[in-house]
Protein backbone atom coordinates (compact mmCIF):
# COMPACT_ATOMS: atom_id res chain seq x y z
CA MET A 1 -35.89 57.19 2.38
CA LYS A 2 -38.85 54.48 3.06
CA LYS A 3 -38.93 52.96 6.64
CA VAL A 4 -38.45 49.35 6.42
CA ILE A 5 -38.31 46.69 9.42
CA ILE A 6 -36.36 43.90 8.22
CA ASP A 7 -37.50 40.34 9.56
CA CYS A 8 -34.81 37.97 9.20
CA ASP A 9 -32.96 34.71 10.28
CA PRO A 10 -29.14 35.46 9.10
CA GLY A 11 -27.97 33.65 7.62
CA ILE A 12 -25.33 34.39 5.06
CA ASP A 13 -27.28 35.70 2.44
CA ASP A 14 -29.45 37.19 4.93
CA SER A 15 -26.40 39.34 5.99
CA LEU A 16 -25.48 40.31 2.60
CA ALA A 17 -28.99 41.55 2.27
CA LEU A 18 -28.96 43.73 5.40
CA ILE A 19 -25.36 45.08 3.97
CA LEU A 20 -27.34 45.97 0.75
CA ALA A 21 -30.55 47.56 2.74
CA LEU A 22 -28.33 49.86 5.40
CA LYS A 23 -25.99 51.02 2.15
CA SER A 24 -29.21 52.15 0.07
CA PRO A 25 -29.87 55.76 0.42
CA GLU A 26 -33.47 54.74 -0.43
CA LEU A 27 -33.91 52.55 2.62
CA ASP A 28 -34.47 53.89 6.78
CA VAL A 29 -33.90 50.51 8.45
CA ILE A 30 -35.76 51.32 11.36
CA GLY A 31 -35.42 47.87 13.20
CA LEU A 32 -34.35 44.26 12.65
CA THR A 33 -36.84 41.47 13.92
CA ILE A 34 -34.97 38.09 14.11
CA CYS A 35 -36.63 34.94 13.58
CA ALA A 36 -35.68 31.25 13.74
CA GLY A 37 -34.82 29.62 10.59
CA ASN A 38 -31.45 29.12 9.20
CA VAL A 39 -29.71 29.51 12.67
CA PRO A 40 -31.49 29.45 15.95
CA VAL A 41 -32.65 32.85 16.95
CA GLU A 42 -29.96 33.80 19.21
CA LEU A 43 -27.32 32.86 16.89
CA GLY A 44 -29.26 35.11 14.31
CA GLY A 45 -29.16 38.02 16.68
CA VAL A 46 -25.74 37.89 16.91
CA ASN A 47 -25.14 37.65 13.17
CA ALA A 48 -27.75 40.63 12.87
CA TYR A 49 -25.36 42.61 15.43
CA ARG A 50 -22.31 41.60 13.21
CA VAL A 51 -23.31 43.36 10.36
CA LEU A 52 -24.52 46.13 12.04
CA ASN A 53 -21.17 46.54 13.62
CA LEU A 54 -19.45 46.23 10.16
CA LEU A 55 -21.40 48.90 8.98
CA ASN A 56 -21.12 51.23 12.20
CA ARG A 57 -24.66 51.16 12.72
CA LYS A 58 -25.40 49.99 15.81
CA ASP A 59 -28.23 52.50 16.48
CA ILE A 60 -30.27 50.04 14.81
CA PRO A 61 -32.65 48.07 17.53
CA ILE A 62 -32.41 44.25 17.40
CA TYR A 63 -35.71 42.16 18.76
CA LEU A 64 -35.59 38.68 18.77
CA GLY A 65 -38.72 36.31 18.41
CA ASP A 66 -39.39 32.99 19.66
CA ASN A 67 -36.77 30.00 19.03
CA LYS A 68 -39.28 27.78 17.39
CA PRO A 69 -42.22 27.87 14.50
CA MET A 70 -45.94 27.90 15.21
CA LYS A 71 -46.43 24.20 15.70
CA ARG A 72 -43.50 22.22 14.90
CA GLU A 73 -39.86 21.95 16.17
CA LEU A 74 -37.12 24.28 14.48
CA VAL A 75 -34.88 22.55 11.92
CA THR A 76 -31.92 24.78 10.75
CA ALA A 77 -30.43 25.24 7.69
CA GLN A 78 -26.36 25.19 9.80
CA ASP A 79 -25.42 22.59 6.89
CA THR A 80 -26.15 25.20 4.39
CA HIS A 81 -24.70 28.06 6.59
CA GLY A 82 -22.11 26.84 9.17
CA GLU A 83 -22.29 26.02 12.79
CA ASP A 84 -22.46 29.99 13.34
CA GLY A 85 -24.47 30.79 10.46
CA LEU A 86 -21.82 33.09 8.68
CA GLY A 87 -19.35 30.09 7.43
CA GLU A 88 -17.29 29.35 10.33
CA VAL A 89 -14.57 31.92 9.43
CA LEU A 90 -15.25 35.30 11.95
CA PRO A 91 -13.87 35.87 15.22
CA GLU A 92 -15.93 35.73 18.28
CA ILE A 93 -17.53 39.20 18.94
CA ASP A 94 -18.20 40.88 22.21
CA ILE A 95 -21.53 42.29 22.13
CA PRO A 96 -23.18 44.66 24.70
CA GLU A 97 -26.40 43.45 26.92
CA SER A 98 -28.79 46.03 25.60
CA ALA A 99 -27.55 45.39 21.74
CA ILE A 100 -29.97 42.76 21.51
CA GLN A 101 -33.58 42.34 22.90
CA LEU A 102 -36.62 40.35 23.42
CA GLY A 103 -39.87 41.22 21.94
CA ALA A 104 -40.07 41.03 17.94
CA VAL A 105 -43.46 41.03 18.15
CA ASP A 106 -44.18 43.49 20.51
CA TYR A 107 -42.24 45.95 18.36
CA LEU A 108 -43.61 44.63 15.18
CA ILE A 109 -47.06 45.50 16.51
CA LYS A 110 -46.17 48.85 18.62
CA THR A 111 -44.48 50.09 15.11
CA LEU A 112 -46.96 49.31 12.77
CA LYS A 113 -49.88 50.62 14.94
CA SER A 114 -48.06 54.23 15.57
CA ASN A 115 -46.99 54.62 11.77
CA GLU A 116 -49.10 54.48 8.21
CA ASP A 117 -45.79 54.20 6.62
CA VAL A 118 -43.77 51.43 7.51
CA SER A 119 -42.96 48.54 5.39
CA ILE A 120 -41.50 44.94 6.01
CA ILE A 121 -39.02 43.07 3.96
CA ALA A 122 -39.21 39.46 5.39
CA LEU A 123 -36.28 37.29 4.62
CA GLY A 124 -36.88 34.22 6.70
CA PRO A 125 -39.87 32.09 8.21
CA MET A 126 -42.83 34.17 8.78
CA THR A 127 -43.31 33.18 12.31
CA ASN A 128 -42.94 36.47 14.03
CA LEU A 129 -45.29 38.30 11.44
CA ALA A 130 -47.91 35.31 12.31
CA LYS A 131 -47.61 35.70 16.09
CA ALA A 132 -48.25 39.52 15.46
CA VAL A 133 -51.59 38.48 13.62
CA GLU A 134 -52.59 36.12 16.37
CA ARG A 135 -52.33 39.26 19.07
CA GLU A 136 -53.82 41.61 16.48
CA LYS A 137 -55.43 40.32 13.79
CA ASP A 138 -55.41 43.43 11.42
CA ILE A 139 -52.01 44.51 12.29
CA LEU A 140 -50.24 43.65 8.66
CA LYS A 141 -53.09 45.61 7.12
CA SER A 142 -51.01 48.54 8.41
CA ALA A 143 -48.17 47.50 6.28
CA GLU A 144 -47.27 50.20 3.61
CA ARG A 145 -45.63 46.97 1.79
CA ILE A 146 -44.79 43.45 2.64
CA VAL A 147 -42.11 41.70 0.46
CA SER A 148 -41.14 38.15 1.15
CA MET A 149 -38.05 35.96 0.12
CA GLY A 150 -39.79 32.36 0.20
CA GLY A 151 -41.81 29.85 -1.66
CA ALA A 152 -41.09 28.25 -5.14
CA PHE A 153 -43.55 27.90 -8.05
CA ARG A 154 -42.58 26.66 -11.20
CA THR A 155 -38.80 25.30 -9.81
CA ASN A 156 -37.79 22.40 -7.42
CA GLY A 157 -37.18 23.35 -4.05
CA ASN A 158 -34.40 23.56 -2.15
CA CYS A 159 -35.16 21.53 1.13
CA SER A 160 -37.45 18.82 -0.57
CA GLN A 161 -38.61 18.62 -4.26
CA VAL A 162 -41.33 20.95 -3.94
CA ALA A 163 -40.73 23.24 -1.16
CA GLU A 164 -38.47 26.50 -0.14
CA PHE A 165 -36.83 26.20 3.15
CA ASN A 166 -38.47 29.59 4.83
CA TYR A 167 -41.86 28.24 3.89
CA TRP A 168 -41.10 24.73 4.52
CA VAL A 169 -39.57 25.35 8.12
CA ASP A 170 -43.15 27.32 9.38
CA PRO A 171 -45.81 26.59 6.79
CA GLU A 172 -48.45 27.44 9.39
CA SER A 173 -47.30 30.91 9.43
CA VAL A 174 -47.40 31.43 6.12
CA ASN A 175 -50.91 30.73 5.96
CA ILE A 176 -51.82 32.84 8.80
CA VAL A 177 -50.03 35.99 7.18
CA PHE A 178 -51.50 35.27 3.71
CA GLN A 179 -54.91 35.44 4.83
CA ASN A 180 -54.81 38.13 7.06
CA VAL A 181 -53.34 40.92 4.52
CA VAL A 182 -55.15 43.35 2.26
CA LYS A 183 -52.54 44.42 -0.32
CA PRO A 184 -50.82 41.39 -1.80
CA ILE A 185 -47.80 40.14 -0.68
CA GLU A 186 -44.72 40.56 -3.27
CA LEU A 187 -43.33 37.21 -3.17
CA ILE A 188 -39.66 36.67 -4.16
CA PRO A 189 -39.52 33.06 -4.76
CA LEU A 190 -36.83 30.66 -5.68
CA ASP A 191 -37.86 30.88 -9.44
CA VAL A 192 -36.09 34.24 -9.45
CA THR A 193 -33.26 34.10 -6.86
CA ARG A 194 -31.88 31.04 -8.51
CA LYS A 195 -30.90 33.28 -11.20
CA ILE A 196 -28.65 35.61 -8.38
CA VAL A 197 -25.32 33.80 -8.39
CA LEU A 198 -22.39 35.38 -6.98
CA THR A 199 -19.88 33.77 -9.28
CA PRO A 200 -16.47 33.19 -8.97
CA ASN A 201 -15.47 36.01 -10.87
CA TYR A 202 -17.71 38.61 -8.49
CA ARG A 203 -16.32 37.02 -5.56
CA GLU A 204 -12.86 37.32 -6.70
CA TYR A 205 -13.57 41.22 -7.42
CA LEU A 206 -14.33 41.47 -3.88
CA LYS A 207 -11.24 39.78 -2.95
CA GLN A 208 -9.11 42.35 -4.84
CA MET A 209 -11.14 45.31 -3.39
CA LYS A 210 -9.18 45.00 -0.12
CA ASN A 211 -12.22 46.83 1.80
CA ASP A 212 -13.83 45.56 5.04
CA ILE A 213 -17.47 45.06 3.57
CA ALA A 214 -15.93 43.35 0.25
CA GLN A 215 -13.79 41.16 2.95
CA PHE A 216 -16.65 40.16 5.37
CA ILE A 217 -18.52 39.32 1.97
CA TYR A 218 -15.84 37.14 0.35
CA LEU A 219 -15.16 35.18 3.85
CA VAL A 220 -18.82 34.06 4.52
CA THR A 221 -19.81 33.23 1.32
CA GLY A 222 -16.86 30.46 1.02
CA PHE A 223 -18.80 27.83 3.03
CA TYR A 224 -21.89 28.82 0.92
CA VAL A 225 -19.86 28.24 -2.23
CA ASP A 226 -18.84 24.99 -0.75
CA PHE A 227 -21.95 23.89 -0.17
CA HIS A 228 -23.40 24.90 -3.50
CA TRP A 229 -21.00 22.82 -5.28
CA MET A 230 -21.53 19.80 -3.21
CA GLN A 231 -25.35 19.85 -3.26
CA GLU A 232 -26.07 21.48 -6.60
CA ARG A 233 -22.67 21.25 -8.75
CA THR A 234 -22.85 25.15 -8.79
CA LEU A 235 -20.10 27.30 -9.22
CA GLY A 236 -20.43 30.35 -6.88
CA CYS A 237 -23.63 30.66 -4.36
CA VAL A 238 -27.17 31.84 -5.09
CA ILE A 239 -27.88 34.89 -2.77
CA ASN A 240 -31.39 34.86 -2.35
CA ASP A 241 -32.20 37.52 0.07
CA PRO A 242 -30.38 40.42 -1.39
CA LEU A 243 -32.72 39.94 -4.48
CA ALA A 244 -35.63 40.54 -1.92
CA VAL A 245 -34.06 44.22 -0.79
CA ALA A 246 -33.15 44.95 -4.13
CA TYR A 247 -36.95 44.55 -5.61
CA PHE A 248 -38.27 46.83 -2.89
CA ILE A 249 -35.90 49.25 -3.98
CA ASN A 250 -36.45 48.95 -7.64
CA PRO A 251 -39.40 46.66 -8.66
CA ASP A 252 -38.44 47.07 -12.21
CA LEU A 253 -36.23 44.25 -11.51
CA CYS A 254 -38.66 41.62 -11.57
CA ASN A 255 -42.25 40.99 -12.90
CA GLY A 256 -45.02 38.52 -12.25
CA PHE A 257 -48.51 38.45 -11.92
CA LEU A 258 -51.33 38.40 -8.78
CA THR A 259 -52.76 35.14 -7.50
CA ASN A 260 -53.66 32.98 -4.58
CA LEU A 261 -50.91 31.54 -2.25
CA GLU A 262 -51.72 28.75 0.03
CA CYS A 263 -48.86 26.85 1.89
CA VAL A 264 -49.34 22.95 2.23
CA GLU A 265 -48.96 22.37 6.22
CA ASN A 266 -48.62 18.57 6.08
CA GLY A 267 -47.57 15.50 4.29
CA VAL A 268 -44.68 14.88 1.74
CA ALA A 269 -45.47 18.28 -0.03
CA ILE A 270 -45.25 20.41 3.38
CA GLY A 271 -44.11 23.80 2.81
CA GLN A 272 -45.14 23.61 -1.08
CA SER A 273 -46.48 27.03 -1.97
CA LEU A 274 -49.84 26.09 -4.18
CA ILE A 275 -50.34 29.02 -6.72
CA ASP A 276 -53.61 29.15 -7.97
CA ILE A 277 -53.02 30.06 -11.60
CA GLY A 278 -56.03 28.98 -12.95
CA ASP A 279 -58.18 30.71 -10.55
CA PHE A 280 -59.87 27.51 -9.32
CA TYR A 281 -61.08 28.76 -6.13
CA LYS A 282 -61.87 32.17 -6.68
CA ARG A 283 -59.73 33.26 -3.55
CA ASP A 284 -58.36 36.77 -2.77
CA LYS A 285 -55.51 37.61 -4.85
CA ASN A 286 -52.98 37.75 -1.79
CA VAL A 287 -49.89 37.55 -3.52
CA PHE A 288 -48.12 39.27 -6.43
CA ILE A 289 -45.38 36.46 -7.30
CA ASN A 290 -42.28 37.45 -8.96
CA THR A 291 -41.29 35.17 -11.88
CA ILE A 292 -38.82 36.92 -14.05
CA VAL A 293 -35.89 38.82 -13.05
CA ASP A 294 -33.33 40.50 -14.60
CA GLU A 295 -30.15 39.51 -13.01
CA LYS A 296 -27.46 41.55 -14.61
CA GLU A 297 -29.60 45.02 -13.02
CA PHE A 298 -29.59 43.49 -10.00
CA PHE A 299 -25.87 43.10 -9.64
CA ASN A 300 -25.25 46.69 -10.77
CA LEU A 301 -27.65 47.96 -8.36
CA PHE A 302 -26.07 45.64 -5.34
CA PHE A 303 -22.36 46.52 -6.39
CA ASN A 304 -23.31 50.51 -6.88
CA ARG A 305 -25.21 50.55 -3.54
CA VAL A 306 -22.57 48.48 -1.76
CA PHE A 307 -19.33 50.22 -2.99
CA PRO A 308 -20.25 53.37 -4.66
CA GLU A 309 -16.77 54.45 -4.43
CA ASN A 310 -16.00 51.89 -6.78
CA LEU A 311 -18.24 53.24 -9.15
CA LYS A 312 -15.69 52.80 -12.39
CA ASP A 313 -14.34 49.65 -11.36
CA ASN A 314 -18.00 48.39 -10.77
CA GLU A 315 -18.98 49.31 -14.21
CA THR A 316 -15.93 47.59 -15.70
CA VAL A 317 -16.65 44.46 -13.89
CA LEU A 318 -20.46 44.05 -14.63
CA LYS A 319 -19.86 44.76 -18.22
CA GLU A 320 -17.25 41.84 -18.11
CA TYR A 321 -18.65 39.32 -16.44
């Protein structure tokens, strides 16, 4: 089992990613750090707790970061995820005071300094990681691996012509992090996540399972489906973040190349990922950017990890659709 901290901003697709991580025997999720992004940070903490409660994993600590990016005001994606961040379909939940704590940056620093075998899966803006670097410049060099869902290379953005949401929300944090790593960050950009579509057929399969986790996924993705149809005329919904978890488990799902990444901090192209494929600036190769994905194998992994009790049915559905 690989020890991982998941830094996230739940969010519908973050929640699916957390479910996949917690249901995968390859991963030991030792903590969740919450950043502001899809929703304000306190709401992200509530949604993380909802997932832990659903999976009976309330032993995992949740730590909140700051509620704003490094240098700019927070712009959320509640138009995409719903005001509550989970599709506006779930009842209120009682949360013990001790279940959600402050101090995401403290937790990251303490954990990375005291362990040599902890990796980070970053599913939201990189604010928490950047603030950890500001306090301990070399701290991310202690991470075994860092996988980030963010950026866009040869595809259009999802919040501007050129920018992916996570990197657009806090581009300054992206540059701080990428400039202070030794091992290249393994990037899961929109180029590959856009191929991970939870289709109407997959959602109907979830609906028919009559399983608590399946029903949770079916319900919270309804808002997401409506948004994708109105915004892009997509049937179903793109679930970005679960691919980052699946890739962490099985890197053979994707392929790409080593290069240098810098994020635009100002102007009309704010948040754009500048990928130096021509090696014009002769900078350190700080990113392995994935550009190819086997989407069928992703869904094979996702359904078989999350619903292992339905292995035969999963095989039939995946073959069919």
